[in-house]
Amino acid sequence: WSNPLTIIKLENLVKKMENPDANFMQSSVLTLEMLQKDTHKGVGIMK
């Protein structure tokens, strides 16, 4: 959780770093969420 500008900075950092075997998604302008790689709502739905 953070302010919108810091969340953008964090997103840019994620894009530049070596893949930490995770899936990232912005759920609002104030939040960035992290799940295990290849995990998202669609995976649960298809299960």
ModelCIF file with pLDDT and N, C-alpha, C, O atoms, coordinates in Angstrom:
data_MODEL
#
_entry.id   MODEL 
#
_entity.id                         1 
_entity.type                       polymer 
_entity.pdbx_number_of_molecules   1 
#
_entity_poly.entity_id                      1 
_entity_poly.type                           'polypeptide(L)' 
_entity_poly.nstd_linkage                   no 
_entity_poly.nstd_monomer                   no 
_entity_poly.pdbx_seq_one_letter_code       WSNPLTIIKLENLVKKMENPDANFMQSSVLTLEMLQKDTHKGVGIMK 
_entity_poly.pdbx_seq_one_letter_code_can   WSNPLTIIKLENLVKKMENPDANFMQSSVLTLEMLQKDTHKGVGIMK 
_entity_poly.pdbx_strand_id                 A 
#
loop_
_entity_poly_seq.entity_id 
_entity_poly_seq.num 
_entity_poly_seq.mon_id 
_entity_poly_seq.hetero 
1 1  TRP n 
1 2  SER n 
1 3  ASN n 
1 4  PRO n 
1 5  LEU n 
1 6  THR n 
1 7  ILE n 
1 8  ILE n 
1 9  LYS n 
1 10 LEU n 
1 11 GLU n 
1 12 ASN n 
1 13 LEU n 
1 14 VAL n 
1 15 LYS n 
1 16 LYS n 
1 17 MET n 
1 18 GLU n 
1 19 ASN n 
1 20 PRO n 
1 21 ASP n 
1 22 ALA n 
1 23 ASN n 
1 24 PHE n 
1 25 MET n 
1 26 GLN n 
1 27 SER n 
1 28 SER n 
1 29 VAL n 
1 30 LEU n 
1 31 THR n 
1 32 LEU n 
1 33 GLU n 
1 34 MET n 
1 35 LEU n 
1 36 GLN n 
1 37 LYS n 
1 38 ASP n 
1 39 THR n 
1 40 HIS n 
1 41 LYS n 
1 42 GLY n 
1 43 VAL n 
1 44 GLY n 
1 45 ILE n 
1 46 MET n 
1 47 LYS n 
#
_struct_asym.id          A 
_struct_asym.entity_id   1 
#
loop_
_ma_qa_metric.id 
_ma_qa_metric.mode 
_ma_qa_metric.name 
_ma_qa_metric.software_group_id 
_ma_qa_metric.type 
1 global pLDDT . pLDDT 
2 local  pLDDT . pLDDT 
#
_ma_qa_metric_global.metric_id      1 
_ma_qa_metric_global.metric_value   89.26 
_ma_qa_metric_global.model_id       1 
_ma_qa_metric_global.ordinal_id     1 
#
loop_
_ma_qa_metric_local.label_asym_id 
_ma_qa_metric_local.label_comp_id 
_ma_qa_metric_local.label_seq_id 
_ma_qa_metric_local.metric_id 
_ma_qa_metric_local.metric_value 
_ma_qa_metric_local.model_id 
_ma_qa_metric_local.ordinal_id 
A TRP 1  2 92.00 1 1  
A SER 2  2 89.00 1 2  
A ASN 3  2 88.00 1 3  
A PRO 4  2 91.00 1 4  
A LEU 5  2 88.00 1 5  
A THR 6  2 87.00 1 6  
A ILE 7  2 88.00 1 7  
A ILE 8  2 90.00 1 8  
A LYS 9  2 86.00 1 9  
A LEU 10 2 87.00 1 10 
A GLU 11 2 89.00 1 11 
A ASN 12 2 88.00 1 12 
A LEU 13 2 85.00 1 13 
A VAL 14 2 86.00 1 14 
A LYS 15 2 85.00 1 15 
A LYS 16 2 85.00 1 16 
A MET 17 2 80.00 1 17 
A GLU 18 2 77.00 1 18 
A ASN 19 2 74.00 1 19 
A PRO 20 2 81.00 1 20 
A ASP 21 2 90.00 1 21 
A ALA 22 2 93.00 1 22 
A ASN 23 2 90.00 1 23 
A PHE 24 2 90.00 1 24 
A MET 25 2 86.00 1 25 
A GLN 26 2 82.00 1 26 
A SER 27 2 79.00 1 27 
A SER 28 2 84.00 1 28 
A VAL 29 2 88.00 1 29 
A LEU 30 2 92.00 1 30 
A THR 31 2 92.00 1 31 
A LEU 32 2 92.00 1 32 
A GLU 33 2 93.00 1 33 
A MET 34 2 95.00 1 34 
A LEU 35 2 95.00 1 35 
A GLN 36 2 96.00 1 36 
A LYS 37 2 93.00 1 37 
A ASP 38 2 91.00 1 38 
A THR 39 2 94.00 1 39 
A HIS 40 2 93.00 1 40 
A LYS 41 2 94.00 1 41 
A GLY 42 2 96.00 1 42 
A VAL 43 2 95.00 1 43 
A GLY 44 2 96.00 1 44 
A ILE 45 2 97.00 1 45 
A MET 46 2 97.00 1 46 
A LYS 47 2 96.00 1 47 
#
loop_
_atom_site.group_PDB 
_atom_site.id 
_atom_site.type_symbol 
_atom_site.label_atom_id 
_atom_site.label_alt_id 
_atom_site.label_comp_id 
_atom_site.label_asym_id 
_atom_site.label_entity_id 
_atom_site.label_seq_id 
_atom_site.pdbx_PDB_ins_code 
_atom_site.Cartn_x 
_atom_site.Cartn_y 
_atom_site.Cartn_z 
_atom_site.occupancy 
_atom_site.B_iso_or_equiv 
_atom_site.pdbx_formal_charge 
_atom_site.auth_seq_id 
_atom_site.auth_comp_id 
_atom_site.auth_asym_id 
_atom_site.auth_atom_id 
_atom_site.pdbx_PDB_model_num 
ATOM 1   N N  . TRP A 1 1  ? 0.839   -1.193  0.000   1.00 92.00 ? 1  TRP A N  1 
ATOM 2   C CA . TRP A 1 1  ? 0.000   0.000   0.000   1.00 92.00 ? 1  TRP A CA 1 
ATOM 3   C C  . TRP A 1 1  ? 0.876   1.247   0.000   1.00 92.00 ? 1  TRP A C  1 
ATOM 4   O O  . TRP A 1 1  ? 1.871   1.299   0.723   1.00 92.00 ? 1  TRP A O  1 
ATOM 5   N N  . SER A 1 2  ? 0.528   2.237   -0.788  1.00 89.00 ? 2  SER A N  1 
ATOM 6   C CA . SER A 1 2  ? 1.231   3.518   -0.725  1.00 89.00 ? 2  SER A CA 1 
ATOM 7   C C  . SER A 1 2  ? 0.488   4.563   -1.558  1.00 89.00 ? 2  SER A C  1 
ATOM 8   O O  . SER A 1 2  ? -0.599  4.298   -2.071  1.00 89.00 ? 2  SER A O  1 
ATOM 9   N N  . ASN A 1 3  ? 1.076   5.741   -1.687  1.00 88.00 ? 3  ASN A N  1 
ATOM 10  C CA . ASN A 1 3  ? 0.492   6.781   -2.521  1.00 88.00 ? 3  ASN A CA 1 
ATOM 11  C C  . ASN A 1 3  ? 0.696   6.417   -3.994  1.00 88.00 ? 3  ASN A C  1 
ATOM 12  O O  . ASN A 1 3  ? 1.576   5.614   -4.303  1.00 88.00 ? 3  ASN A O  1 
ATOM 13  N N  . PRO A 1 4  ? -0.089  6.984   -4.903  1.00 91.00 ? 4  PRO A N  1 
ATOM 14  C CA . PRO A 1 4  ? -0.019  6.594   -6.324  1.00 91.00 ? 4  PRO A CA 1 
ATOM 15  C C  . PRO A 1 4  ? 1.371   6.707   -6.945  1.00 91.00 ? 4  PRO A C  1 
ATOM 16  O O  . PRO A 1 4  ? 1.765   5.834   -7.718  1.00 91.00 ? 4  PRO A O  1 
ATOM 17  N N  . LEU A 1 5  ? 2.119   7.754   -6.627  1.00 88.00 ? 5  LEU A N  1 
ATOM 18  C CA . LEU A 1 5  ? 3.443   7.929   -7.217  1.00 88.00 ? 5  LEU A CA 1 
ATOM 19  C C  . LEU A 1 5  ? 4.411   6.837   -6.765  1.00 88.00 ? 5  LEU A C  1 
ATOM 20  O O  . LEU A 1 5  ? 5.205   6.335   -7.561  1.00 88.00 ? 5  LEU A O  1 
ATOM 21  N N  . THR A 1 6  ? 4.341   6.475   -5.497  1.00 87.00 ? 6  THR A N  1 
ATOM 22  C CA . THR A 1 6  ? 5.223   5.429   -4.986  1.00 87.00 ? 6  THR A CA 1 
ATOM 23  C C  . THR A 1 6  ? 4.840   4.070   -5.550  1.00 87.00 ? 6  THR A C  1 
ATOM 24  O O  . THR A 1 6  ? 5.715   3.249   -5.828  1.00 87.00 ? 6  THR A O  1 
ATOM 25  N N  . ILE A 1 7  ? 3.544   3.820   -5.723  1.00 88.00 ? 7  ILE A N  1 
ATOM 26  C CA . ILE A 1 7  ? 3.103   2.556   -6.323  1.00 88.00 ? 7  ILE A CA 1 
ATOM 27  C C  . ILE A 1 7  ? 3.640   2.440   -7.748  1.00 88.00 ? 7  ILE A C  1 
ATOM 28  O O  . ILE A 1 7  ? 4.052   1.358   -8.164  1.00 88.00 ? 7  ILE A O  1 
ATOM 29  N N  . ILE A 1 8  ? 3.640   3.535   -8.495  1.00 90.00 ? 8  ILE A N  1 
ATOM 30  C CA . ILE A 1 8  ? 4.191   3.530   -9.856  1.00 90.00 ? 8  ILE A CA 1 
ATOM 31  C C  . ILE A 1 8  ? 5.685   3.225   -9.817  1.00 90.00 ? 8  ILE A C  1 
ATOM 32  O O  . ILE A 1 8  ? 6.180   2.450   -10.635 1.00 90.00 ? 8  ILE A O  1 
ATOM 33  N N  . LYS A 1 9  ? 6.407   3.829   -8.873  1.00 86.00 ? 9  LYS A N  1 
ATOM 34  C CA . LYS A 1 9  ? 7.839   3.563   -8.722  1.00 86.00 ? 9  LYS A CA 1 
ATOM 35  C C  . LYS A 1 9  ? 8.080   2.093   -8.398  1.00 86.00 ? 9  LYS A C  1 
ATOM 36  O O  . LYS A 1 9  ? 9.012   1.478   -8.916  1.00 86.00 ? 9  LYS A O  1 
ATOM 37  N N  . LEU A 1 10 ? 7.237   1.543   -7.542  1.00 87.00 ? 10 LEU A N  1 
ATOM 38  C CA . LEU A 1 10 ? 7.379   0.129   -7.168  1.00 87.00 ? 10 LEU A CA 1 
ATOM 39  C C  . LEU A 1 10 ? 7.097   -0.776  -8.365  1.00 87.00 ? 10 LEU A C  1 
ATOM 40  O O  . LEU A 1 10 ? 7.791   -1.772  -8.570  1.00 87.00 ? 10 LEU A O  1 
ATOM 41  N N  . GLU A 1 11 ? 6.077   -0.432  -9.155  1.00 89.00 ? 11 GLU A N  1 
ATOM 42  C CA . GLU A 1 11 ? 5.779   -1.198  -10.367 1.00 89.00 ? 11 GLU A CA 1 
ATOM 43  C C  . GLU A 1 11 ? 6.955   -1.176  -11.341 1.00 89.00 ? 11 GLU A C  1 
ATOM 44  O O  . GLU A 1 11 ? 7.302   -2.204  -11.922 1.00 89.00 ? 11 GLU A O  1 
ATOM 45  N N  . ASN A 1 12 ? 7.561   -0.016  -11.516 1.00 88.00 ? 12 ASN A N  1 
ATOM 46  C CA . ASN A 1 12 ? 8.709   0.100   -12.414 1.00 88.00 ? 12 ASN A CA 1 
ATOM 47  C C  . ASN A 1 12 ? 9.894   -0.713  -11.913 1.00 88.00 ? 12 ASN A C  1 
ATOM 48  O O  . ASN A 1 12 ? 10.634  -1.296  -12.705 1.00 88.00 ? 12 ASN A O  1 
ATOM 49  N N  . LEU A 1 13 ? 10.071  -0.751  -10.611 1.00 85.00 ? 13 LEU A N  1 
ATOM 50  C CA . LEU A 1 13 ? 11.127  -1.566  -10.022 1.00 85.00 ? 13 LEU A CA 1 
ATOM 51  C C  . LEU A 1 13 ? 10.896  -3.038  -10.318 1.00 85.00 ? 13 LEU A C  1 
ATOM 52  O O  . LEU A 1 13 ? 11.828  -3.757  -10.679 1.00 85.00 ? 13 LEU A O  1 
ATOM 53  N N  . VAL A 1 14 ? 9.658   -3.488  -10.166 1.00 86.00 ? 14 VAL A N  1 
ATOM 54  C CA . VAL A 1 14 ? 9.311   -4.887  -10.428 1.00 86.00 ? 14 VAL A CA 1 
ATOM 55  C C  . VAL A 1 14 ? 9.644   -5.261  -11.871 1.00 86.00 ? 14 VAL A C  1 
ATOM 56  O O  . VAL A 1 14 ? 10.178  -6.339  -12.134 1.00 86.00 ? 14 VAL A O  1 
ATOM 57  N N  . LYS A 1 15 ? 9.323   -4.364  -12.801 1.00 85.00 ? 15 LYS A N  1 
ATOM 58  C CA . LYS A 1 15 ? 9.556   -4.638  -14.218 1.00 85.00 ? 15 LYS A CA 1 
ATOM 59  C C  . LYS A 1 15 ? 11.042  -4.784  -14.538 1.00 85.00 ? 15 LYS A C  1 
ATOM 60  O O  . LYS A 1 15 ? 11.413  -5.536  -15.439 1.00 85.00 ? 15 LYS A O  1 
ATOM 61  N N  . LYS A 1 16 ? 11.892  -4.067  -13.804 1.00 85.00 ? 16 LYS A N  1 
ATOM 62  C CA . LYS A 1 16 ? 13.329  -4.074  -14.079 1.00 85.00 ? 16 LYS A CA 1 
ATOM 63  C C  . LYS A 1 16 ? 14.066  -5.224  -13.400 1.00 85.00 ? 16 LYS A C  1 
ATOM 64  O O  . LYS A 1 16 ? 15.146  -5.624  -13.834 1.00 85.00 ? 16 LYS A O  1 
ATOM 65  N N  . MET A 1 17 ? 13.473  -5.751  -12.333 1.00 80.00 ? 17 MET A N  1 
ATOM 66  C CA . MET A 1 17 ? 14.172  -6.765  -11.552 1.00 80.00 ? 17 MET A CA 1 
ATOM 67  C C  . MET A 1 17 ? 14.018  -8.156  -12.148 1.00 80.00 ? 17 MET A C  1 
ATOM 68  O O  . MET A 1 17 ? 13.105  -8.420  -12.929 1.00 80.00 ? 17 MET A O  1 
ATOM 69  N N  . GLU A 1 18 ? 14.924  -9.027  -11.764 1.00 77.00 ? 18 GLU A N  1 
ATOM 70  C CA . GLU A 1 18 ? 14.836  -10.435 -12.165 1.00 77.00 ? 18 GLU A CA 1 
ATOM 71  C C  . GLU A 1 18 ? 13.533  -11.010 -11.635 1.00 77.00 ? 18 GLU A C  1 
ATOM 72  O O  . GLU A 1 18 ? 13.136  -10.718 -10.507 1.00 77.00 ? 18 GLU A O  1 
ATOM 73  N N  . ASN A 1 19 ? 12.874  -11.818 -12.436 1.00 74.00 ? 19 ASN A N  1 
ATOM 74  C CA . ASN A 1 19 ? 11.568  -12.367 -12.073 1.00 74.00 ? 19 ASN A CA 1 
ATOM 75  C C  . ASN A 1 19 ? 11.626  -13.097 -10.729 1.00 74.00 ? 19 ASN A C  1 
ATOM 76  O O  . ASN A 1 19 ? 12.336  -14.094 -10.598 1.00 74.00 ? 19 ASN A O  1 
ATOM 77  N N  . PRO A 1 20 ? 10.882  -12.605 -9.727  1.00 81.00 ? 20 PRO A N  1 
ATOM 78  C CA . PRO A 1 20 ? 10.900  -13.267 -8.415  1.00 81.00 ? 20 PRO A CA 1 
ATOM 79  C C  . PRO A 1 20 ? 9.911   -14.431 -8.321  1.00 81.00 ? 20 PRO A C  1 
ATOM 80  O O  . PRO A 1 20 ? 9.465   -14.784 -7.229  1.00 81.00 ? 20 PRO A O  1 
ATOM 81  N N  . ASP A 1 21 ? 9.567   -15.034 -9.481  1.00 90.00 ? 21 ASP A N  1 
ATOM 82  C CA . ASP A 1 21 ? 8.642   -16.173 -9.502  1.00 90.00 ? 21 ASP A CA 1 
ATOM 83  C C  . ASP A 1 21 ? 7.281   -15.768 -8.936  1.00 90.00 ? 21 ASP A C  1 
ATOM 84  O O  . ASP A 1 21 ? 6.678   -16.496 -8.147  1.00 90.00 ? 21 ASP A O  1 
ATOM 85  N N  . ALA A 1 22 ? 6.811   -14.593 -9.355  1.00 93.00 ? 22 ALA A N  1 
ATOM 86  C CA . ALA A 1 22 ? 5.563   -14.061 -8.804  1.00 93.00 ? 22 ALA A CA 1 
ATOM 87  C C  . ALA A 1 22 ? 4.760   -13.350 -9.878  1.00 93.00 ? 22 ALA A C  1 
ATOM 88  O O  . ALA A 1 22 ? 5.275   -13.013 -10.944 1.00 93.00 ? 22 ALA A O  1 
ATOM 89  N N  . ASN A 1 23 ? 3.490   -13.130 -9.575  1.00 90.00 ? 23 ASN A N  1 
ATOM 90  C CA . ASN A 1 23 ? 2.578   -12.406 -10.451 1.00 90.00 ? 23 ASN A CA 1 
ATOM 91  C C  . ASN A 1 23 ? 2.152   -11.128 -9.740  1.00 90.00 ? 23 ASN A C  1 
ATOM 92  O O  . ASN A 1 23 ? 1.713   -11.176 -8.590  1.00 90.00 ? 23 ASN A O  1 
ATOM 93  N N  . PHE A 1 24 ? 2.277   -9.986  -10.412 1.00 90.00 ? 24 PHE A N  1 
ATOM 94  C CA . PHE A 1 24 ? 1.939   -8.699  -9.813  1.00 90.00 ? 24 PHE A CA 1 
ATOM 95  C C  . PHE A 1 24 ? 0.741   -8.082  -10.536 1.00 90.00 ? 24 PHE A C  1 
ATOM 96  O O  . PHE A 1 24 ? 0.581   -8.242  -11.746 1.00 90.00 ? 24 PHE A O  1 
ATOM 97  N N  . MET A 1 25 ? -0.097  -7.376  -9.776  1.00 86.00 ? 25 MET A N  1 
ATOM 98  C CA . MET A 1 25 ? -1.237  -6.681  -10.373 1.00 86.00 ? 25 MET A CA 1 
ATOM 99  C C  . MET A 1 25 ? -1.568  -5.461  -9.537  1.00 86.00 ? 25 MET A C  1 
ATOM 100 O O  . MET A 1 25 ? -1.481  -5.497  -8.310  1.00 86.00 ? 25 MET A O  1 
ATOM 101 N N  . GLN A 1 26 ? -1.947  -4.382  -10.203 1.00 82.00 ? 26 GLN A N  1 
ATOM 102 C CA . GLN A 1 26 ? -2.376  -3.178  -9.502  1.00 82.00 ? 26 GLN A CA 1 
ATOM 103 C C  . GLN A 1 26 ? -3.876  -3.273  -9.282  1.00 82.00 ? 26 GLN A C  1 
ATOM 104 O O  . GLN A 1 26 ? -4.646  -3.271  -10.242 1.00 82.00 ? 26 GLN A O  1 
ATOM 105 N N  . SER A 1 27 ? -4.298  -3.356  -8.023  1.00 79.00 ? 27 SER A N  1 
ATOM 106 C CA . SER A 1 27 ? -5.721  -3.506  -7.718  1.00 79.00 ? 27 SER A CA 1 
ATOM 107 C C  . SER A 1 27 ? -6.406  -2.169  -7.459  1.00 79.00 ? 27 SER A C  1 
ATOM 108 O O  . SER A 1 27 ? -7.634  -2.096  -7.410  1.00 79.00 ? 27 SER A O  1 
ATOM 109 N N  . SER A 1 28 ? -5.604  -1.103  -7.292  1.00 84.00 ? 28 SER A N  1 
ATOM 110 C CA . SER A 1 28 ? -6.119  0.262   -7.210  1.00 84.00 ? 28 SER A CA 1 
ATOM 111 C C  . SER A 1 28 ? -4.924  1.189   -7.387  1.00 84.00 ? 28 SER A C  1 
ATOM 112 O O  . SER A 1 28 ? -3.791  0.724   -7.504  1.00 84.00 ? 28 SER A O  1 
ATOM 113 N N  . VAL A 1 29 ? -5.166  2.483   -7.405  1.00 88.00 ? 29 VAL A N  1 
ATOM 114 C CA . VAL A 1 29 ? -4.040  3.422   -7.544  1.00 88.00 ? 29 VAL A CA 1 
ATOM 115 C C  . VAL A 1 29 ? -3.184  3.440   -6.289  1.00 88.00 ? 29 VAL A C  1 
ATOM 116 O O  . VAL A 1 29 ? -2.088  4.001   -6.293  1.00 88.00 ? 29 VAL A O  1 
ATOM 117 N N  . LEU A 1 30 ? -3.673  2.833   -5.217  1.00 92.00 ? 30 LEU A N  1 
ATOM 118 C CA . LEU A 1 30 ? -2.966  2.836   -3.934  1.00 92.00 ? 30 LEU A CA 1 
ATOM 119 C C  . LEU A 1 30 ? -2.378  1.483   -3.567  1.00 92.00 ? 30 LEU A C  1 
ATOM 120 O O  . LEU A 1 30 ? -1.731  1.352   -2.528  1.00 92.00 ? 30 LEU A O  1 
ATOM 121 N N  . THR A 1 31 ? -2.593  0.473   -4.407  1.00 92.00 ? 31 THR A N  1 
ATOM 122 C CA . THR A 1 31 ? -2.168  -0.877  -4.037  1.00 92.00 ? 31 THR A CA 1 
ATOM 123 C C  . THR A 1 31 ? -1.550  -1.651  -5.198  1.00 92.00 ? 31 THR A C  1 
ATOM 124 O O  . THR A 1 31 ? -1.988  -1.558  -6.344  1.00 92.00 ? 31 THR A O  1 
ATOM 125 N N  . LEU A 1 32 ? -0.521  -2.413  -4.857  1.00 92.00 ? 32 LEU A N  1 
ATOM 126 C CA . LEU A 1 32 ? 0.063   -3.368  -5.788  1.00 92.00 ? 32 LEU A CA 1 
ATOM 127 C C  . LEU A 1 32 ? 0.033   -4.717  -5.087  1.00 92.00 ? 32 LEU A C  1 
ATOM 128 O O  . LEU A 1 32 ? 0.495   -4.843  -3.953  1.00 92.00 ? 32 LEU A O  1 
ATOM 129 N N  . GLU A 1 33 ? -0.512  -5.732  -5.765  1.00 93.00 ? 33 GLU A N  1 
ATOM 130 C CA . GLU A 1 33 ? -0.641  -7.040  -5.147  1.00 93.00 ? 33 GLU A CA 1 
ATOM 131 C C  . GLU A 1 33 ? 0.301   -8.048  -5.802  1.00 93.00 ? 33 GLU A C  1 
ATOM 132 O O  . GLU A 1 33 ? 0.638   -7.940  -6.981  1.00 93.00 ? 33 GLU A O  1 
ATOM 133 N N  . MET A 1 34 ? 0.708   -9.018  -5.009  1.00 95.00 ? 34 MET A N  1 
ATOM 134 C CA . MET A 1 34 ? 1.647   -10.040 -5.462  1.00 95.00 ? 34 MET A CA 1 
ATOM 135 C C  . MET A 1 34 ? 1.108   -11.427 -5.113  1.00 95.00 ? 34 MET A C  1 
ATOM 136 O O  . MET A 1 34 ? 0.685   -11.681 -3.985  1.00 95.00 ? 34 MET A O  1 
ATOM 137 N N  . LEU A 1 35 ? 1.131   -12.315 -6.105  1.00 95.00 ? 35 LEU A N  1 
ATOM 138 C CA . LEU A 1 35 ? 0.726   -13.705 -5.936  1.00 95.00 ? 35 LEU A CA 1 
ATOM 139 C C  . LEU A 1 35 ? 1.840   -14.594 -6.467  1.00 95.00 ? 35 LEU A C  1 
ATOM 140 O O  . LEU A 1 35 ? 2.788   -14.117 -7.091  1.00 95.00 ? 35 LEU A O  1 
ATOM 141 N N  . GLN A 1 36 ? 1.716   -15.883 -6.214  1.00 96.00 ? 36 GLN A N  1 
ATOM 142 C CA . GLN A 1 36 ? 2.654   -16.818 -6.824  1.00 96.00 ? 36 GLN A CA 1 
ATOM 143 C C  . GLN A 1 36 ? 2.525   -16.737 -8.349  1.00 96.00 ? 36 GLN A C  1 
ATOM 144 O O  . GLN A 1 36 ? 1.447   -16.434 -8.862  1.00 96.00 ? 36 GLN A O  1 
ATOM 145 N N  . LYS A 1 37 ? 3.591   -17.000 -9.059  1.00 93.00 ? 37 LYS A N  1 
ATOM 146 C CA . LYS A 1 37 ? 3.592   -16.946 -10.516 1.00 93.00 ? 37 LYS A CA 1 
ATOM 147 C C  . LYS A 1 37 ? 2.451   -17.787 -11.100 1.00 93.00 ? 37 LYS A C  1 
ATOM 148 O O  . LYS A 1 37 ? 2.149   -18.874 -10.608 1.00 93.00 ? 37 LYS A O  1 
ATOM 149 N N  . ASP A 1 38 ? 1.827   -17.261 -12.157 1.00 91.00 ? 38 ASP A N  1 
ATOM 150 C CA . ASP A 1 38 ? 0.718   -17.935 -12.844 1.00 91.00 ? 38 ASP A CA 1 
ATOM 151 C C  . ASP A 1 38 ? -0.494  -18.141 -11.945 1.00 91.00 ? 38 ASP A C  1 
ATOM 152 O O  . ASP A 1 38 ? -1.254  -19.093 -12.126 1.00 91.00 ? 38 ASP A O  1 
ATOM 153 N N  . THR A 1 39 ? -0.671  -17.254 -10.982 1.00 94.00 ? 39 THR A N  1 
ATOM 154 C CA . THR A 1 39 ? -1.844  -17.307 -10.104 1.00 94.00 ? 39 THR A CA 1 
ATOM 155 C C  . THR A 1 39 ? -2.647  -16.016 -10.272 1.00 94.00 ? 39 THR A C  1 
ATOM 156 O O  . THR A 1 39 ? -2.105  -14.917 -10.154 1.00 94.00 ? 39 THR A O  1 
ATOM 157 N N  . HIS A 1 40 ? -3.934  -16.164 -10.546 1.00 93.00 ? 40 HIS A N  1 
ATOM 158 C CA . HIS A 1 40 ? -4.844  -15.025 -10.637 1.00 93.00 ? 40 HIS A CA 1 
ATOM 159 C C  . HIS A 1 40 ? -6.271  -15.555 -10.561 1.00 93.00 ? 40 HIS A C  1 
ATOM 160 O O  . HIS A 1 40 ? -6.484  -16.767 -10.519 1.00 93.00 ? 40 HIS A O  1 
ATOM 161 N N  . LYS A 1 41 ? -7.245  -14.655 -10.543 1.00 94.00 ? 41 LYS A N  1 
ATOM 162 C CA . LYS A 1 41 ? -8.638  -15.071 -10.405 1.00 94.00 ? 41 LYS A CA 1 
ATOM 163 C C  . LYS A 1 41 ? -9.047  -16.084 -11.472 1.00 94.00 ? 41 LYS A C  1 
ATOM 164 O O  . LYS A 1 41 ? -9.801  -17.017 -11.195 1.00 94.00 ? 41 LYS A O  1 
ATOM 165 N N  . GLY A 1 42 ? -8.544  -15.895 -12.691 1.00 96.00 ? 42 GLY A N  1 
ATOM 166 C CA . GLY A 1 42 ? -8.909  -16.800 -13.779 1.00 96.00 ? 42 GLY A CA 1 
ATOM 167 C C  . GLY A 1 42 ? -8.494  -18.229 -13.530 1.00 96.00 ? 42 GLY A C  1 
ATOM 168 O O  . GLY A 1 42 ? -9.201  -19.158 -13.922 1.00 96.00 ? 42 GLY A O  1 
ATOM 169 N N  . VAL A 1 43 ? -7.352  -18.423 -12.883 1.00 95.00 ? 43 VAL A N  1 
ATOM 170 C CA . VAL A 1 43 ? -6.884  -19.778 -12.560 1.00 95.00 ? 43 VAL A CA 1 
ATOM 171 C C  . VAL A 1 43 ? -7.854  -20.444 -11.596 1.00 95.00 ? 43 VAL A C  1 
ATOM 172 O O  . VAL A 1 43 ? -8.231  -21.601 -11.784 1.00 95.00 ? 43 VAL A O  1 
ATOM 173 N N  . GLY A 1 44 ? -8.263  -19.700 -10.548 1.00 96.00 ? 44 GLY A N  1 
ATOM 174 C CA . GLY A 1 44 ? -9.223  -20.252 -9.591  1.00 96.00 ? 44 GLY A CA 1 
ATOM 175 C C  . GLY A 1 44 ? -10.565 -20.560 -10.233 1.00 96.00 ? 44 GLY A C  1 
ATOM 176 O O  . GLY A 1 44 ? -11.193 -21.572 -9.923  1.00 96.00 ? 44 GLY A O  1 
ATOM 177 N N  . ILE A 1 45 ? -11.002 -19.680 -11.132 1.00 97.00 ? 45 ILE A N  1 
ATOM 178 C CA . ILE A 1 45 ? -12.282 -19.896 -11.815 1.00 97.00 ? 45 ILE A CA 1 
ATOM 179 C C  . ILE A 1 45 ? -12.247 -21.160 -12.657 1.00 97.00 ? 45 ILE A C  1 
ATOM 180 O O  . ILE A 1 45 ? -13.195 -21.945 -12.633 1.00 97.00 ? 45 ILE A O  1 
ATOM 181 N N  . MET A 1 46 ? -11.173 -21.366 -13.397 1.00 97.00 ? 46 MET A N  1 
ATOM 182 C CA . MET A 1 46 ? -11.098 -22.544 -14.256 1.00 97.00 ? 46 MET A CA 1 
ATOM 183 C C  . MET A 1 46 ? -10.915 -23.830 -13.445 1.00 97.00 ? 46 MET A C  1 
ATOM 184 O O  . MET A 1 46 ? -11.328 -24.902 -13.886 1.00 97.00 ? 46 MET A O  1 
ATOM 185 N N  . LYS A 1 47 ? -10.301 -23.728 -12.266 1.00 96.00 ? 47 LYS A N  1 
ATOM 186 C CA . LYS A 1 47 ? -10.241 -24.886 -11.361 1.00 96.00 ? 47 LYS A CA 1 
ATOM 187 C C  . LYS A 1 47 ? -11.663 -25.280 -10.966 1.00 96.00 ? 47 LYS A C  1 
ATOM 188 O O  . LYS A 1 47 ? -11.852 -26.231 -10.208 1.00 96.00 ? 47 LYS A O  1 
#
